[in-house]
Protein backbone atom coordinates (compact mmCIF):
# COMPACT_ATOMS: atom_id res chain seq x y z
CA MET A 1 -0.13 -0.29 -0.31
CA LYS A 2 1.25 3.61 -1.05
CA PRO A 3 2.34 5.51 1.95
CA ILE A 4 -0.57 8.43 1.27
CA LEU A 5 -3.00 5.66 1.87
CA ALA A 6 -2.32 5.51 5.33
CA ILE A 7 -4.26 8.59 5.82
CA PHE A 8 -7.45 6.57 4.88
CA ALA A 9 -6.22 4.54 8.27
CA LEU A 10 -7.39 6.88 10.38
CA ALA A 11 -11.12 6.22 11.99
CA ILE A 12 -13.32 8.78 10.27
CA PRO A 13 -16.73 8.71 12.52
CA LEU A 14 -19.89 8.93 11.83
CA LEU A 15 -22.27 12.23 12.44
CA VAL A 16 -23.22 11.23 16.16
CA SER A 17 -22.01 12.62 19.69
CA GLY A 18 -22.29 11.25 22.84
CA GLN A 19 -21.15 8.53 25.48
CA GLU A 20 -23.34 5.79 23.87
CA THR A 21 -21.58 6.14 20.27
CA GLU A 22 -20.45 2.79 19.11
CA PRO A 23 -16.66 2.94 18.02
CA GLN A 24 -17.30 0.02 15.67
CA HIS A 25 -20.05 2.01 13.72
CA SER A 26 -17.98 4.77 13.17
CA LEU A 27 -15.42 2.28 11.59
CA LYS A 28 -17.69 0.33 9.81
CA GLU A 29 -18.63 3.72 7.98
CA LEU A 30 -14.68 4.47 7.36
CA LYS A 31 -14.04 1.09 5.54
CA ALA A 32 -16.34 2.16 2.79
CA LEU A 33 -14.76 5.68 2.98
CA ARG A 34 -11.16 5.00 2.84
CA ALA A 35 -12.01 2.17 0.49
CA GLN A 36 -13.34 4.46 -2.17
CA ALA A 37 -11.20 7.41 -1.78
CA ALA A 38 -8.00 4.37 -2.09
CA ILE A 39 -8.92 2.58 -5.30
CA GLU A 40 -9.72 6.29 -7.25
CA ILE A 41 -6.01 7.32 -6.18
CA GLU A 42 -4.53 4.15 -7.71
CA LYS A 43 -6.84 4.46 -10.84
CA THR A 44 -6.06 8.41 -10.87
CA GLY A 45 -2.61 8.76 -9.44
CA ASP A 46 -4.38 12.04 -8.01
CA PHE A 47 -3.91 12.39 -4.32
CA GLY A 48 -5.71 15.61 -3.93
CA PRO A 49 -8.59 14.26 -2.95
CA ALA A 50 -6.96 12.24 0.50
CA PHE A 51 -5.64 16.00 1.17
CA ALA A 52 -8.96 17.46 1.00
CA LEU A 53 -11.02 14.49 2.93
CA LEU A 54 -8.42 15.76 5.81
CA PRO A 55 -10.08 19.03 7.01
CA LYS A 56 -13.37 17.03 7.42
CA ILE A 57 -12.11 13.91 8.61
CA MET A 58 -11.04 16.34 12.01
CA GLU A 59 -14.69 17.89 11.36
CA ILE A 60 -16.72 15.57 11.63
CA ALA A 61 -14.52 13.25 14.19
CA LYS A 62 -14.59 16.34 16.81
CA LYS A 63 -18.48 15.89 16.59
CA ALA A 64 -18.42 12.03 17.16
CA VAL A 65 -16.07 12.13 20.66
CA ALA A 66 -17.28 15.89 21.73
CA ASN A 67 -19.24 14.21 24.49
CA VAL A 68 -17.21 10.98 24.91
CA ASP A 69 -15.10 10.89 28.25
CA PRO A 70 -12.11 8.56 27.60
CA ALA A 71 -11.94 8.18 31.18
CA LYS A 72 -15.24 6.02 30.81
CA VAL A 73 -15.39 4.28 28.06
CA ASP A 74 -16.08 0.23 27.79
CA SER A 75 -12.56 -1.60 28.19
CA LYS A 76 -13.27 -3.43 25.10
CA ASP A 77 -13.50 -0.56 22.40
CA LEU A 78 -9.98 1.62 24.13
CA MET A 79 -8.21 1.41 21.00
CA ALA A 80 -11.10 2.18 18.86
CA TRP A 81 -11.75 4.85 21.17
CA ALA A 82 -7.92 5.90 20.60
CA ASP A 83 -8.57 6.09 16.69
CA LEU A 84 -11.30 8.32 16.77
CA PHE A 85 -9.77 10.80 18.96
CA SER A 86 -6.85 10.38 16.86
CA SER A 87 -8.50 11.49 13.89
CA ALA A 88 -9.98 14.33 16.15
CA GLY A 89 -6.53 15.66 16.87
CA ASN A 90 -7.14 15.23 21.00
CA VAL A 91 -3.70 13.64 21.29
CA GLU A 92 -4.03 13.61 25.33
CA ALA A 93 -7.48 11.47 24.86
CA GLN A 94 -5.59 9.34 22.28
CA ARG A 95 -2.62 9.15 25.60
CA VAL A 96 -5.57 8.35 27.99
CA LEU A 97 -6.75 5.39 26.33
CA ALA A 98 -3.71 3.93 25.25
CA GLN A 99 -3.09 3.77 29.05
CA ARG A 100 -6.28 2.27 29.83
CA TYR A 101 -5.50 -0.59 27.48
CA LEU A 102 -2.28 -1.20 28.54
CA ASP A 103 -3.35 -1.66 31.82
CA THR A 104 -5.65 -4.27 30.99
CA LYS A 105 -2.15 -6.17 29.76
CA PRO A 106 -2.65 -7.41 26.92
CA SER A 107 -0.38 -9.60 24.91
CA ALA A 108 3.08 -8.10 23.75
CA VAL A 109 2.09 -8.15 20.41
CA ASP A 110 -1.44 -6.72 20.95
CA ARG A 111 -0.26 -3.84 23.36
CA PHE A 112 2.79 -2.42 20.29
CA GLY A 113 -0.14 0.00 18.58
CA ALA A 114 -0.91 1.56 22.71
CA ASP A 115 2.84 1.50 22.92
CA MET A 116 3.37 3.73 19.94
CA ILE A 117 0.88 5.97 20.76
CA LEU A 118 2.54 7.06 24.26
CA LEU A 119 6.02 7.18 22.52
CA LYS A 120 4.52 9.35 20.00
CA ALA A 121 2.61 11.92 22.97
CA SER A 122 5.73 11.62 25.10
CA ALA A 123 7.59 13.32 22.16
CA TYR A 124 5.72 16.20 22.22
CA GLU A 125 6.61 16.69 26.26
CA SER A 126 9.82 19.25 26.16
CA SER A 127 11.57 16.63 28.82
CA LEU A 128 12.99 13.79 26.90
CA ASP A 129 13.15 11.60 30.31
CA ASN A 130 9.64 10.14 29.69
CA PHE A 131 10.05 9.43 25.72
CA ARG A 132 13.52 7.74 26.46
CA THR A 133 12.08 5.59 28.97
CA ARG A 134 8.96 4.70 26.74
CA LEU A 135 11.76 4.01 23.86
CA ALA A 136 13.51 1.50 25.97
CA ALA A 137 10.35 -0.05 26.81
CA ILE A 138 8.98 -0.48 23.97
CA LYS A 139 9.45 -3.85 21.87
CA PRO A 140 8.48 -4.64 18.10
CA GLN A 141 7.21 -8.32 18.01
CA ASN A 142 7.45 -9.10 14.34
CA GLY A 143 8.96 -6.82 11.45
CA ALA A 144 5.58 -5.00 10.74
CA GLN A 145 5.80 -3.12 14.04
CA SER A 146 9.26 -2.62 13.30
CA SER A 147 8.41 -0.87 10.20
CA THR A 148 6.32 1.19 11.89
CA LEU A 149 8.74 2.26 14.49
CA VAL A 150 11.20 3.35 11.82
CA GLY A 151 9.01 4.96 10.25
CA SER A 152 9.21 7.44 12.97
CA ALA A 153 12.91 7.69 13.11
CA VAL A 154 13.51 11.29 11.63
CA SER A 155 10.63 12.58 13.85
CA PHE A 156 12.06 11.31 16.76
CA SER A 157 15.58 12.37 15.76
CA LEU A 158 14.81 15.59 15.20
CA LYS A 159 13.63 15.27 18.54
CA VAL A 160 16.81 14.81 19.99
CA GLU A 161 19.09 16.55 17.82
CA LYS A 162 16.91 19.76 18.92
CA ALA A 163 16.93 19.18 22.58
CA GLU A 164 20.64 17.59 23.05
CA SER A 165 22.98 17.35 20.45
CA PRO A 166 23.68 15.93 16.94
CA ASP A 167 25.76 12.88 18.35
CA ALA A 168 22.82 11.91 20.58
CA ALA A 169 20.37 11.57 17.84
CA ILE A 170 22.54 9.68 15.65
CA ALA A 171 22.70 7.25 19.12
CA LEU A 172 18.59 7.11 19.33
CA ILE A 173 18.99 6.31 15.45
CA ASP A 174 21.09 3.52 16.20
CA GLU A 175 18.68 2.20 19.59
CA LEU A 176 15.64 2.34 16.75
CA GLU A 177 17.60 0.36 14.45
CA ALA A 178 18.81 -2.39 17.15
CA LYS A 179 14.88 -3.01 17.18
CA ILE A 180 14.24 -4.06 14.01
CA LEU A 181 13.00 -7.76 13.83
CA PRO A 182 13.44 -9.87 10.23
CA LEU A 183 10.26 -9.92 8.27
CA ASN A 184 8.12 -12.45 7.21
CA ILE A 185 7.84 -11.80 3.05
CA LYS A 186 4.66 -14.22 2.84
CA GLU A 187 2.94 -13.01 5.88
CA ALA A 188 3.50 -9.16 4.97
CA ALA A 189 2.46 -10.19 1.55
CA GLN A 190 -0.90 -11.94 2.81
CA ALA A 191 -1.77 -9.46 4.98
CA MET A 192 -1.27 -6.46 1.71
CA LEU A 193 -3.67 -9.06 0.12
CA ASP A 194 -6.46 -9.19 2.23
CA GLU A 195 -6.30 -5.58 2.91
CA LYS A 196 -6.66 -5.04 -0.77
CA LYS A 197 -9.54 -7.34 -0.95
CA GLU A 198 -11.04 -5.89 2.23
CA LEU A 199 -11.24 -2.12 0.11
CA HIS A 200 -12.44 -3.37 -2.80
CA ALA A 201 -15.25 -5.51 -1.12
CA SER A 202 -16.35 -2.19 0.55
CA ALA A 203 -16.61 0.17 -2.99
CA LYS A 204 -17.80 -3.07 -4.63
CA ILE A 205 -15.38 -3.31 -7.15
CA PRO A 206 -13.46 -6.40 -8.54
CA LEU A 207 -10.05 -7.04 -7.79
CA PRO A 208 -7.96 -6.41 -10.65
CA GLY A 209 -6.75 -10.05 -10.77
CA ASP A 210 -6.13 -13.36 -9.08
CA ASP A 211 -4.62 -14.22 -5.81
CA ALA A 212 -1.84 -15.87 -6.80
CA THR A 213 -0.72 -13.47 -9.27
CA MET A 214 -1.56 -10.41 -6.70
CA LEU A 215 0.53 -12.22 -3.74
CA VAL A 216 3.94 -12.74 -6.15
CA GLY A 217 3.53 -8.61 -6.53
CA TYR A 218 2.91 -8.16 -2.59
CA GLU A 219 5.69 -10.54 -1.52
CA LYS A 220 8.30 -8.11 -4.21
CA GLU A 221 6.78 -5.17 -2.61
CA ALA A 222 7.02 -6.65 1.17
CA ALA A 223 10.51 -7.33 0.97
CA LYS A 224 11.17 -3.77 -0.93
CA ASN A 225 9.38 -2.37 1.91
CA TYR A 226 11.55 -4.37 4.78
CA GLN A 227 14.73 -2.76 2.49
CA MET A 228 14.08 0.84 2.87
CA GLN A 229 14.11 0.49 6.21
CA ALA A 230 17.78 0.51 6.54
CA PHE A 231 17.57 3.27 4.13
CA ARG A 232 15.26 5.44 6.20
CA LEU A 233 17.46 4.74 9.08
CA MET A 234 20.45 5.73 7.27
CA GLN A 235 18.93 8.68 6.02
CA ALA A 236 17.84 10.14 9.10
CA ARG A 237 21.43 9.63 10.20
CA SER A 238 22.59 11.81 7.05
CA GLY A 239 20.50 14.34 7.41
CA VAL A 240 21.49 15.09 11.14
CA LEU A 241 25.10 15.11 9.96
CA GLU A 242 23.96 17.63 7.03
CA ARG A 243 22.46 19.56 9.69
CA ALA A 244 25.01 19.92 11.69
CA ASN A 245 27.87 20.61 8.45
CA ARG A 246 29.16 17.34 9.05
CA LYS A 247 28.75 16.48 5.32
CA PRO A 248 31.68 14.58 4.84
CA GLU A 249 30.78 12.35 7.43
CA ALA A 250 27.60 11.41 5.61
CA ALA A 251 29.13 11.17 2.99
CA LEU A 252 31.00 8.62 4.34
CA LEU A 253 28.20 6.51 5.86
CA TRP A 254 26.17 6.49 2.74
CA GLN A 255 29.83 4.98 0.70
CA LYS A 256 29.51 2.28 3.54
CA PHE A 257 25.99 1.51 3.32
CA LEU A 258 26.59 1.11 -0.50
CA ALA A 259 29.30 -1.08 -0.14
CA ARG A 260 27.52 -3.70 2.25
CA ILE A 261 23.96 -3.68 0.17
CA PRO A 262 23.17 -6.21 -2.68
CA ALA A 263 23.14 -4.34 -6.59
CA ASP A 264 19.24 -4.97 -6.88
CA HIS A 265 18.83 -3.50 -2.99
CA ALA A 266 15.51 -0.91 -3.27
CA GLY A 267 17.58 1.60 -1.13
CA ARG A 268 20.67 1.19 -3.73
CA GLY A 269 19.05 3.85 -6.34
CA PRO A 270 18.60 6.47 -4.25
CA ALA A 271 21.50 5.83 -1.41
CA GLN A 272 23.56 6.43 -4.91
CA ALA A 273 21.98 10.14 -5.72
CA LEU A 274 22.47 11.26 -1.76
CA TYR A 275 25.99 9.76 -1.72
CA ASN A 276 26.85 11.69 -5.22
CA GLN A 277 25.06 14.47 -3.90
CA TYR A 278 27.54 14.98 -1.20
CA THR A 279 30.75 14.33 -3.44
CA ILE A 280 29.81 15.10 -6.88
CA VAL A 281 31.19 18.82 -6.33
CA GLN A 282 34.86 19.52 -8.03
CA LYS A 283 34.31 16.33 -10.48
CA PRO A 284 33.86 16.28 -13.68
CA ALA A 285 30.34 16.36 -15.05
CA THR A 286 28.50 12.80 -16.32
CA GLU A 287 27.27 12.63 -19.33
CA LEU A 288 23.15 12.90 -19.47
CA ASN A 289 20.97 10.30 -20.75
CA VAL A 290 19.06 11.33 -23.61
CA GLN A 291 16.24 9.80 -24.79
CA ASN A 292 14.28 12.66 -26.35
CA THR A 293 14.67 16.21 -26.59
CA ILE A 294 13.03 19.65 -27.40
CA GLY A 295 15.47 22.18 -28.97
CA ARG A 296 19.13 22.10 -29.94
CA PHE A 297 21.52 19.46 -27.66
CA SER A 298 23.64 17.17 -28.24
CA ASP A 299 25.81 16.34 -24.95
CA LEU A 300 27.27 18.06 -22.15
CA ALA A 301 30.98 17.54 -24.27
CA SER A 302 29.99 20.19 -27.00
CA LEU A 303 29.10 22.48 -24.20
CA LYS A 304 32.81 22.25 -22.23
CA GLY A 305 34.08 26.06 -22.39
CA LYS A 306 30.75 27.55 -21.57
CA VAL A 307 29.07 28.06 -18.38
CA VAL A 308 26.32 25.47 -17.61
CA ILE A 309 23.29 25.00 -15.68
CA LEU A 310 21.00 21.65 -15.59
CA ASP A 311 18.26 22.92 -14.05
CA PHE A 312 16.29 19.20 -12.73
CA PHE A 313 12.41 19.74 -13.03
CA ALA A 314 9.23 18.30 -13.78
CA HIS A 315 5.61 19.92 -14.84
CA TRP A 316 3.63 19.35 -11.64
CA CYS A 317 6.82 21.04 -9.52
CA GLY A 318 5.23 24.28 -8.21
CA PRO A 319 8.54 25.27 -7.13
CA CYS A 320 10.33 24.73 -10.40
CA LYS A 321 7.62 26.56 -12.17
CA ALA A 322 8.06 29.71 -9.54
CA SER A 323 11.65 29.39 -10.08
CA LEU A 324 11.28 29.69 -14.62
CA PRO A 325 11.18 33.45 -14.35
CA ALA A 326 14.39 34.47 -12.38
CA MET A 327 15.97 31.39 -14.26
CA ARG A 328 14.50 33.14 -17.40
CA LYS A 329 16.14 36.32 -16.68
CA MET A 330 19.23 34.86 -15.53
CA TYR A 331 20.07 32.84 -19.06
CA ASP A 332 18.73 35.93 -21.02
CA GLU A 333 20.73 38.66 -19.76
CA LEU A 334 24.15 35.90 -19.46
CA HIS A 335 23.82 33.92 -21.98
CA SER A 336 25.84 36.36 -24.42
CA GLN A 337 28.37 36.13 -21.92
CA GLY A 338 28.48 32.47 -22.01
CA LEU A 339 26.28 30.80 -20.37
CA GLU A 340 23.84 27.86 -21.04
CA MET A 341 20.99 26.06 -19.71
CA VAL A 342 19.86 22.47 -20.55
CA GLY A 343 16.25 21.44 -18.73
CA VAL A 344 16.27 18.01 -17.79
CA THR A 345 13.00 16.22 -17.17
CA GLY A 346 11.25 12.73 -17.36
CA TYR A 347 8.24 10.99 -18.16
CA TYR A 348 5.47 10.53 -15.57
CA GLY A 349 2.73 9.12 -17.44
CA TYR A 350 0.15 12.23 -16.99
CA TYR A 351 -0.17 15.48 -17.78
CA ASP A 352 -2.48 17.72 -15.88
CA ALA A 353 -5.71 15.97 -15.60
CA GLU A 354 -5.04 13.62 -18.28
CA LYS A 355 -3.59 10.19 -17.13
CA ASN A 356 -2.12 7.11 -18.92
CA LEU A 357 -0.35 9.30 -21.37
CA ASP A 358 2.17 6.87 -23.11
CA ARG A 359 5.50 8.85 -23.79
CA ASN A 360 4.72 10.68 -27.32
CA GLN A 361 1.42 11.90 -25.67
CA GLU A 362 3.55 13.42 -22.86
CA PHE A 363 6.11 14.39 -24.91
CA ASP A 364 3.91 16.43 -27.09
CA ARG A 365 1.95 17.73 -24.02
CA MET A 366 5.87 19.03 -23.12
CA LYS A 367 6.36 21.03 -25.96
CA THR A 368 2.88 23.26 -24.97
CA PHE A 369 4.19 23.38 -21.37
CA VAL A 370 8.12 24.72 -22.92
CA LYS A 371 6.05 27.35 -24.69
CA GLU A 372 3.74 28.62 -22.65
CA GLN A 373 6.79 29.01 -19.74
CA GLY A 374 8.72 31.01 -22.26
CA ILE A 375 11.50 28.11 -22.23
CA THR A 376 14.68 29.10 -24.43
CA TRP A 377 16.83 26.65 -23.70
CA PRO A 378 16.63 22.91 -24.66
CA VAL A 379 15.26 20.44 -22.49
CA VAL A 380 16.37 16.64 -22.20
CA PHE A 381 14.30 13.54 -21.49
CA GLY A 382 16.05 10.89 -19.71
CA ASP A 383 15.52 8.00 -17.10
CA LYS A 384 16.34 8.00 -13.37
CA THR A 385 20.04 7.47 -14.17
CA ASN A 386 20.42 11.15 -14.30
CA ASN A 387 18.94 11.95 -11.19
CA ILE A 388 21.65 9.83 -9.53
CA SER A 389 23.69 10.72 -11.29
CA TYR A 390 23.72 13.94 -10.27
CA GLY A 391 21.82 13.54 -6.53
CA VAL A 392 18.87 14.73 -7.31
CA THR A 393 16.18 13.65 -4.78
CA GLY A 394 14.15 16.36 -4.85
CA ILE A 395 13.31 19.20 -7.61
CA PRO A 396 14.06 21.92 -8.44
CA HIS A 397 17.71 20.50 -8.29
CA VAL A 398 19.87 22.82 -9.86
CA VAL A 399 23.77 22.12 -11.60
CA VAL A 400 26.27 24.73 -11.80
CA ILE A 401 29.18 22.91 -13.94
CA ASP A 402 31.96 25.33 -15.26
CA ARG A 403 33.79 26.18 -18.39
CA GLN A 404 35.82 22.83 -17.86
CA GLY A 405 33.42 20.46 -17.44
CA VAL A 406 33.19 20.58 -13.41
CA VAL A 407 30.38 20.64 -11.14
CA HIS A 408 31.00 24.41 -9.43
CA GLU A 409 28.03 24.15 -7.21
CA LEU A 410 24.57 22.95 -6.39
CA LYS A 411 21.35 24.54 -5.44
CA ILE A 412 18.41 22.26 -3.93
CA GLY A 413 15.11 24.26 -3.95
CA TYR A 414 14.10 27.42 -4.90
CA THR A 415 13.00 30.78 -2.37
CA GLU A 416 13.26 34.28 -4.27
CA GLN A 417 15.35 35.28 -1.09
CA THR A 418 18.32 32.44 -1.86
CA PHE A 419 17.91 33.31 -5.57
CA GLY A 420 20.14 36.53 -5.48
CA GLU A 421 22.74 34.74 -4.01
CA PHE A 422 22.46 31.78 -6.33
CA ARG A 423 22.95 34.24 -9.38
CA LYS A 424 25.45 36.28 -8.42
CA HIS A 425 27.40 32.61 -7.67
CA VAL A 426 26.98 32.38 -11.32
CA GLU A 427 27.79 35.71 -12.46
CA ASP A 428 30.91 35.64 -10.52
CA LEU A 429 31.75 32.06 -12.80
CA VAL A 430 30.51 33.65 -16.08
CA LYS A 431 33.73 36.74 -15.47
CA LYS A 432 36.19 33.91 -14.67
């Protein structure tokens, strides 16, 4: 299941309130709603409706729990009510319910959800004492629970980094990693299939394939998700070091990670991109993979002797489009002095509201995009190897190459406030 679909795991109660409200009744309503939303996302790839639901979820949830006292609800419904109060944004009530549930002495497997609620709640406290106590006590009982805990690694490490130090944050991540348990791939795949069946049954839509075929796909997805736990923890460590201006240490982390994982590891591509992001400056520019172009472009070698800007962008990227007027002005004013610019993008299978486009169709739409945006420099279409080579982990991502064909600078993201300084760097390089 895609991470965004976790939005619909929140309980969405009916428009009812009062102590007599049955949480299971609300959860049943949720099941149908989340099924429709999740399947719509799978069909169209549009996450907009999912995000649009969030304010409504909170509004409905608040009405449902308005007169419910978490200290008095039936013990058999404690975790169901915890879900509902979570949807309403009431962390304190959720904490009360989770603690009441733990007081019933559930099994080690069943108590994990309540332990996570209390752990996350303690992360909001000013003191770290309770947080550290709860983290030490929490014990995932299977690979799926390990994955849930790892999913909070970044937010937890940020908390410790701010309150104590970068090294303390890295020690926390090490502690989380020690709690990872092996994942039973077949069990995880079966759970994913069961969830898929439940979603489609609620929405009254046929499944897209037979059980055996779908299980094979889910086994691959479960294995990939498990591998990505190690990547996410490494990414959290790397982020801590980068914020502390310790980029050489971050690069060494990624170098060691790449050396120990197999070639087909799910995290190899993004790990290589991050390693390159830390190490590419002052190295010769890598040739681009070119599948198609708008405008005239042969290769980077032919541009040696010029200052070259590679602008990694996408048609759907708001900040990319916001940067174009400033980029266009810089290009127009410095082109005659030896500045060249190349847009670098890929194929996404859609354009605006049009879905399921083949490459030729999307390429045609991009011709219109280039014209409408006033892009007068060539645009290159390539595969993900371009992103990996140039350390692209988010866009806009701009690479500046000097006249000798060596990477001079990277600029990630766009704001009006930072662009002026970036342009000054480019102007200085052009003058050399």
